[in-house]
Amino acid sequence: MQETNNILSVLEAYSLDNADDIAREIADDFRKRRIEKNQTREQIAEQAGVAVSNIVRFEQKGLISLKNLIGIAMALGYTAELKAVFSQPKYSTMEELTQIRKNQNKKKAHRV
């Protein structure tokens, strides 16, 4: 039975996330980092130029605008990490990598 539980926990870690789950996870991580730095919601709001109510909504529901997320990331010193989100191409097959390399200098995508 122990082996089955271990396998299930491994499989759970690889399950597909949905947008709400990812947002809540980011919000939980933000809250942890904020508390580690001994910052109140009010202090972060002031530093980020964001309303306290937006920070409360983010921590409780995972809802925040991109502009406000950037502001709080800057306030906590996570600017580089946020800027790196789409900085590198991602691929899972050699065909995708070939397509990425082929399209590297294009300015727009075309329907296939």
N, C-alpha and C. Protein backbone atom coordinates (compact mmCIF):
# COMPACT_ATOMS: atom_id res chain seq x y z
N MET A 1 0.82 -1.20 0.00
CA MET A 1 0.00 0.00 0.00
C MET A 1 0.86 1.27 0.00
N GLN A 2 1.98 1.23 0.74
CA GLN A 2 2.88 2.38 0.80
C GLN A 2 3.41 2.72 -0.59
N GLU A 3 3.74 1.69 -1.38
CA GLU A 3 4.27 1.91 -2.72
C GLU A 3 3.22 2.59 -3.61
N THR A 4 1.97 2.20 -3.47
CA THR A 4 0.89 2.81 -4.25
C THR A 4 0.75 4.28 -3.89
N ASN A 5 0.83 4.61 -2.62
CA ASN A 5 0.73 6.01 -2.19
C ASN A 5 1.88 6.83 -2.76
N ASN A 6 3.09 6.26 -2.79
CA ASN A 6 4.24 6.97 -3.35
C ASN A 6 4.06 7.22 -4.83
N ILE A 7 3.57 6.22 -5.55
CA ILE A 7 3.34 6.37 -6.98
C ILE A 7 2.28 7.44 -7.23
N LEU A 8 1.21 7.42 -6.45
CA LEU A 8 0.15 8.42 -6.62
C LEU A 8 0.66 9.83 -6.34
N SER A 9 1.51 9.99 -5.34
CA SER A 9 2.04 11.32 -5.05
C SER A 9 2.94 11.81 -6.17
N VAL A 10 3.69 10.92 -6.78
CA VAL A 10 4.54 11.29 -7.91
C VAL A 10 3.68 11.68 -9.10
N LEU A 11 2.65 10.89 -9.39
CA LEU A 11 1.75 11.20 -10.50
C LEU A 11 1.02 12.51 -10.28
N GLU A 12 0.62 12.78 -9.04
CA GLU A 12 -0.07 14.03 -8.73
C GLU A 12 0.80 15.24 -9.03
N ALA A 13 2.09 15.12 -8.79
CA ALA A 13 3.01 16.23 -9.05
C ALA A 13 3.12 16.53 -10.53
N TYR A 14 2.80 15.56 -11.39
CA TYR A 14 2.90 15.75 -12.83
C TYR A 14 1.55 15.98 -13.50
N SER A 15 0.50 16.15 -12.72
CA SER A 15 -0.82 16.38 -13.32
C SER A 15 -0.85 17.75 -13.97
N LEU A 16 -1.71 17.88 -14.95
CA LEU A 16 -1.84 19.16 -15.64
C LEU A 16 -2.51 20.17 -14.74
N ASP A 17 -1.92 21.34 -14.64
CA ASP A 17 -2.49 22.42 -13.85
C ASP A 17 -3.49 23.18 -14.69
N ASN A 18 -4.40 23.84 -14.00
CA ASN A 18 -5.26 24.78 -14.71
C ASN A 18 -4.88 26.19 -14.25
N ALA A 19 -5.39 27.18 -14.93
CA ALA A 19 -4.99 28.57 -14.66
C ALA A 19 -5.28 28.98 -13.22
N ASP A 20 -6.41 28.55 -12.68
CA ASP A 20 -6.76 28.92 -11.30
C ASP A 20 -5.78 28.33 -10.30
N ASP A 21 -5.39 27.07 -10.52
CA ASP A 21 -4.43 26.43 -9.61
C ASP A 21 -3.07 27.12 -9.66
N ILE A 22 -2.64 27.46 -10.85
CA ILE A 22 -1.35 28.15 -11.01
C ILE A 22 -1.40 29.52 -10.33
N ALA A 23 -2.50 30.25 -10.53
CA ALA A 23 -2.65 31.57 -9.91
C ALA A 23 -2.62 31.48 -8.39
N ARG A 24 -3.30 30.49 -7.83
CA ARG A 24 -3.30 30.31 -6.37
C ARG A 24 -1.91 29.95 -5.86
N GLU A 25 -1.21 29.13 -6.62
CA GLU A 25 0.15 28.74 -6.21
C GLU A 25 1.09 29.94 -6.23
N ILE A 26 0.99 30.77 -7.26
CA ILE A 26 1.80 32.00 -7.32
C ILE A 26 1.45 32.92 -6.17
N ALA A 27 0.16 33.05 -5.89
CA ALA A 27 -0.28 33.91 -4.78
C ALA A 27 0.23 33.38 -3.44
N ASP A 28 0.17 32.07 -3.25
CA ASP A 28 0.69 31.47 -2.00
C ASP A 28 2.19 31.72 -1.86
N ASP A 29 2.92 31.56 -2.97
CA ASP A 29 4.36 31.81 -2.94
C ASP A 29 4.65 33.28 -2.63
N PHE A 30 3.87 34.18 -3.24
CA PHE A 30 4.04 35.61 -2.96
C PHE A 30 3.85 35.88 -1.47
N ARG A 31 2.78 35.34 -0.91
CA ARG A 31 2.50 35.56 0.51
C ARG A 31 3.65 35.06 1.38
N LYS A 32 4.17 33.88 1.07
CA LYS A 32 5.31 33.34 1.82
C LYS A 32 6.52 34.28 1.74
N ARG A 33 6.85 34.75 0.53
CA ARG A 33 7.99 35.64 0.36
C ARG A 33 7.77 36.96 1.09
N ARG A 34 6.53 37.48 1.04
CA ARG A 34 6.21 38.74 1.73
C ARG A 34 6.42 38.59 3.23
N ILE A 35 5.93 37.49 3.78
CA ILE A 35 6.05 37.26 5.22
C ILE A 35 7.51 37.01 5.61
N GLU A 36 8.24 36.27 4.78
CA GLU A 36 9.67 36.05 5.06
C GLU A 36 10.44 37.36 5.16
N LYS A 37 10.04 38.34 4.36
CA LYS A 37 10.70 39.64 4.39
C LYS A 37 10.08 40.57 5.43
N ASN A 38 9.15 40.01 6.23
CA ASN A 38 8.49 40.75 7.30
C ASN A 38 7.81 42.02 6.78
N GLN A 39 7.15 41.89 5.63
CA GLN A 39 6.45 43.01 5.01
C GLN A 39 4.94 42.81 5.16
N THR A 40 4.25 43.85 5.54
CA THR A 40 2.79 43.79 5.61
C THR A 40 2.22 44.03 4.22
N ARG A 41 0.96 43.70 4.06
CA ARG A 41 0.28 43.99 2.79
C ARG A 41 0.34 45.48 2.50
N GLU A 42 0.16 46.27 3.54
CA GLU A 42 0.15 47.72 3.38
C GLU A 42 1.52 48.23 2.91
N GLN A 43 2.59 47.68 3.46
CA GLN A 43 3.93 48.10 3.06
C GLN A 43 4.20 47.74 1.60
N ILE A 44 3.84 46.53 1.20
CA ILE A 44 4.03 46.11 -0.19
C ILE A 44 3.18 46.97 -1.11
N ALA A 45 1.95 47.25 -0.70
CA ALA A 45 1.06 48.07 -1.53
C ALA A 45 1.67 49.45 -1.77
N GLU A 46 2.21 50.03 -0.74
CA GLU A 46 2.82 51.36 -0.87
C GLU A 46 4.05 51.31 -1.78
N GLN A 47 4.91 50.33 -1.58
CA GLN A 47 6.12 50.21 -2.40
C GLN A 47 5.78 49.93 -3.86
N ALA A 48 4.72 49.15 -4.09
CA ALA A 48 4.37 48.73 -5.45
C ALA A 48 3.43 49.70 -6.15
N GLY A 49 2.85 50.64 -5.40
CA GLY A 49 1.87 51.53 -6.00
C GLY A 49 0.59 50.80 -6.35
N VAL A 50 0.22 49.85 -5.51
CA VAL A 50 -0.95 49.00 -5.72
C VAL A 50 -1.88 49.16 -4.52
N ALA A 51 -3.17 49.14 -4.76
CA ALA A 51 -4.13 49.22 -3.65
C ALA A 51 -4.02 47.98 -2.78
N VAL A 52 -4.15 48.15 -1.48
CA VAL A 52 -4.11 47.02 -0.54
C VAL A 52 -5.18 46.00 -0.90
N SER A 53 -6.33 46.46 -1.34
CA SER A 53 -7.42 45.54 -1.69
C SER A 53 -7.01 44.60 -2.83
N ASN A 54 -6.16 45.08 -3.73
CA ASN A 54 -5.68 44.22 -4.82
C ASN A 54 -4.75 43.13 -4.29
N ILE A 55 -3.95 43.48 -3.30
CA ILE A 55 -3.06 42.48 -2.70
C ILE A 55 -3.86 41.45 -1.92
N VAL A 56 -4.87 41.90 -1.20
CA VAL A 56 -5.74 40.99 -0.45
C VAL A 56 -6.42 40.02 -1.43
N ARG A 57 -6.98 40.55 -2.51
CA ARG A 57 -7.66 39.70 -3.50
C ARG A 57 -6.68 38.71 -4.13
N PHE A 58 -5.46 39.16 -4.39
CA PHE A 58 -4.45 38.28 -4.96
C PHE A 58 -4.12 37.14 -3.99
N GLU A 59 -3.85 37.47 -2.74
CA GLU A 59 -3.49 36.44 -1.76
C GLU A 59 -4.65 35.48 -1.49
N GLN A 60 -5.86 35.97 -1.51
CA GLN A 60 -7.01 35.12 -1.19
C GLN A 60 -7.54 34.33 -2.37
N LYS A 61 -7.53 34.93 -3.56
CA LYS A 61 -8.17 34.30 -4.72
C LYS A 61 -7.23 34.06 -5.89
N GLY A 62 -6.02 34.62 -5.85
CA GLY A 62 -5.09 34.47 -6.95
C GLY A 62 -5.40 35.39 -8.12
N LEU A 63 -6.20 36.41 -7.90
CA LEU A 63 -6.59 37.34 -8.97
C LEU A 63 -5.81 38.63 -8.86
N ILE A 64 -5.16 39.02 -9.98
CA ILE A 64 -4.39 40.26 -10.02
C ILE A 64 -4.14 40.63 -11.48
N SER A 65 -4.04 41.91 -11.75
CA SER A 65 -3.70 42.34 -13.10
C SER A 65 -2.21 42.14 -13.32
N LEU A 66 -1.82 42.05 -14.57
CA LEU A 66 -0.40 41.90 -14.88
C LEU A 66 0.39 43.10 -14.37
N LYS A 67 -0.14 44.29 -14.55
CA LYS A 67 0.56 45.50 -14.10
C LYS A 67 0.78 45.47 -12.59
N ASN A 68 -0.23 45.06 -11.83
CA ASN A 68 -0.08 44.98 -10.38
C ASN A 68 0.87 43.86 -9.97
N LEU A 69 0.85 42.75 -10.70
CA LEU A 69 1.79 41.66 -10.43
C LEU A 69 3.23 42.13 -10.64
N ILE A 70 3.44 42.88 -11.70
CA ILE A 70 4.77 43.44 -11.95
C ILE A 70 5.18 44.37 -10.81
N GLY A 71 4.26 45.19 -10.34
CA GLY A 71 4.55 46.11 -9.24
C GLY A 71 4.95 45.40 -7.97
N ILE A 72 4.22 44.35 -7.60
CA ILE A 72 4.56 43.65 -6.36
C ILE A 72 5.83 42.81 -6.54
N ALA A 73 6.06 42.31 -7.75
CA ALA A 73 7.31 41.59 -8.01
C ALA A 73 8.50 42.53 -7.84
N MET A 74 8.36 43.75 -8.35
CA MET A 74 9.42 44.75 -8.20
C MET A 74 9.63 45.09 -6.72
N ALA A 75 8.55 45.23 -5.97
CA ALA A 75 8.64 45.58 -4.56
C ALA A 75 9.38 44.50 -3.76
N LEU A 76 9.25 43.24 -4.16
CA LEU A 76 9.92 42.16 -3.45
C LEU A 76 11.25 41.75 -4.08
N GLY A 77 11.62 42.40 -5.18
CA GLY A 77 12.90 42.11 -5.81
C GLY A 77 12.88 40.94 -6.77
N TYR A 78 11.74 40.67 -7.39
CA TYR A 78 11.62 39.55 -8.32
C TYR A 78 11.44 40.01 -9.76
N THR A 79 11.97 41.15 -10.11
CA THR A 79 11.81 41.69 -11.46
C THR A 79 12.45 40.77 -12.50
N ALA A 80 13.67 40.35 -12.27
CA ALA A 80 14.37 39.51 -13.26
C ALA A 80 13.63 38.20 -13.49
N GLU A 81 13.13 37.60 -12.43
CA GLU A 81 12.42 36.33 -12.56
C GLU A 81 11.14 36.50 -13.39
N LEU A 82 10.45 37.59 -13.18
CA LEU A 82 9.22 37.83 -13.92
C LEU A 82 9.52 38.13 -15.39
N LYS A 83 10.56 38.91 -15.62
CA LYS A 83 10.94 39.23 -17.00
C LYS A 83 11.38 37.99 -17.77
N ALA A 84 11.83 36.97 -17.07
CA ALA A 84 12.35 35.76 -17.73
C ALA A 84 11.26 34.76 -18.12
N VAL A 85 10.01 35.03 -17.79
CA VAL A 85 8.94 34.04 -18.02
C VAL A 85 8.90 33.55 -19.46
N PHE A 86 8.90 34.42 -20.44
CA PHE A 86 8.83 34.02 -21.84
C PHE A 86 10.13 34.28 -22.59
N SER A 87 11.22 34.40 -21.87
CA SER A 87 12.48 34.81 -22.50
C SER A 87 13.13 33.71 -23.34
N GLN A 88 12.87 32.46 -23.03
CA GLN A 88 13.49 31.34 -23.75
C GLN A 88 12.41 30.49 -24.42
N PRO A 89 12.69 30.01 -25.64
CA PRO A 89 11.71 29.13 -26.29
C PRO A 89 11.59 27.80 -25.56
N LYS A 90 10.40 27.25 -25.57
CA LYS A 90 10.14 25.94 -24.95
C LYS A 90 9.71 24.98 -26.05
N TYR A 91 10.17 23.76 -25.96
CA TYR A 91 9.77 22.74 -26.92
C TYR A 91 9.82 21.38 -26.25
N SER A 92 9.03 20.45 -26.78
CA SER A 92 9.04 19.11 -26.21
C SER A 92 9.39 18.04 -27.25
N THR A 93 9.46 18.44 -28.52
CA THR A 93 9.86 17.50 -29.56
C THR A 93 10.90 18.16 -30.46
N MET A 94 11.59 17.35 -31.20
CA MET A 94 12.58 17.88 -32.15
C MET A 94 11.87 18.66 -33.26
N GLU A 95 10.66 18.26 -33.61
CA GLU A 95 9.90 18.99 -34.63
C GLU A 95 9.60 20.41 -34.16
N GLU A 96 9.22 20.54 -32.89
CA GLU A 96 8.97 21.87 -32.35
C GLU A 96 10.25 22.72 -32.36
N LEU A 97 11.35 22.13 -31.98
CA LEU A 97 12.62 22.85 -31.99
C LEU A 97 12.97 23.30 -33.41
N THR A 98 12.79 22.43 -34.38
CA THR A 98 13.05 22.79 -35.77
C THR A 98 12.16 23.95 -36.20
N GLN A 99 10.87 23.90 -35.83
CA GLN A 99 9.93 24.97 -36.18
C GLN A 99 10.33 26.28 -35.50
N ILE A 100 10.73 26.21 -34.26
CA ILE A 100 11.16 27.41 -33.54
C ILE A 100 12.36 28.04 -34.24
N ARG A 101 13.32 27.23 -34.58
CA ARG A 101 14.52 27.75 -35.26
C ARG A 101 14.17 28.36 -36.61
N LYS A 102 13.24 27.72 -37.32
CA LYS A 102 12.81 28.22 -38.63
C LYS A 102 12.12 29.57 -38.51
N ASN A 103 11.36 29.76 -37.44
CA ASN A 103 10.55 30.98 -37.26
C ASN A 103 11.23 32.05 -36.40
N GLN A 104 12.47 31.85 -36.01
CA GLN A 104 13.14 32.72 -35.06
C GLN A 104 13.12 34.19 -35.42
N ASN A 105 13.28 34.55 -36.65
CA ASN A 105 13.36 35.96 -37.02
C ASN A 105 12.07 36.51 -37.62
N LYS A 106 11.02 35.73 -37.60
CA LYS A 106 9.73 36.20 -38.12
C LYS A 106 9.13 37.22 -37.16
N LYS A 107 8.36 38.12 -37.71
CA LYS A 107 7.70 39.16 -36.90
C LYS A 107 6.26 38.78 -36.57
N LYS A 108 5.63 37.89 -37.35
CA LYS A 108 4.27 37.46 -37.04
C LYS A 108 4.04 36.04 -37.52
N ALA A 109 3.04 35.41 -36.93
CA ALA A 109 2.70 34.04 -37.29
C ALA A 109 1.66 34.04 -38.40
N HIS A 110 1.66 32.98 -39.16
CA HIS A 110 0.67 32.81 -40.25
C HIS A 110 -0.09 31.53 -40.02
N ARG A 111 -1.34 31.51 -40.45
CA ARG A 111 -2.16 30.29 -40.32
C ARG A 111 -1.57 29.19 -41.16
N VAL A 112 -1.69 27.99 -40.63
CA VAL A 112 -1.16 26.83 -41.35
C VAL A 112 -2.28 26.12 -42.08
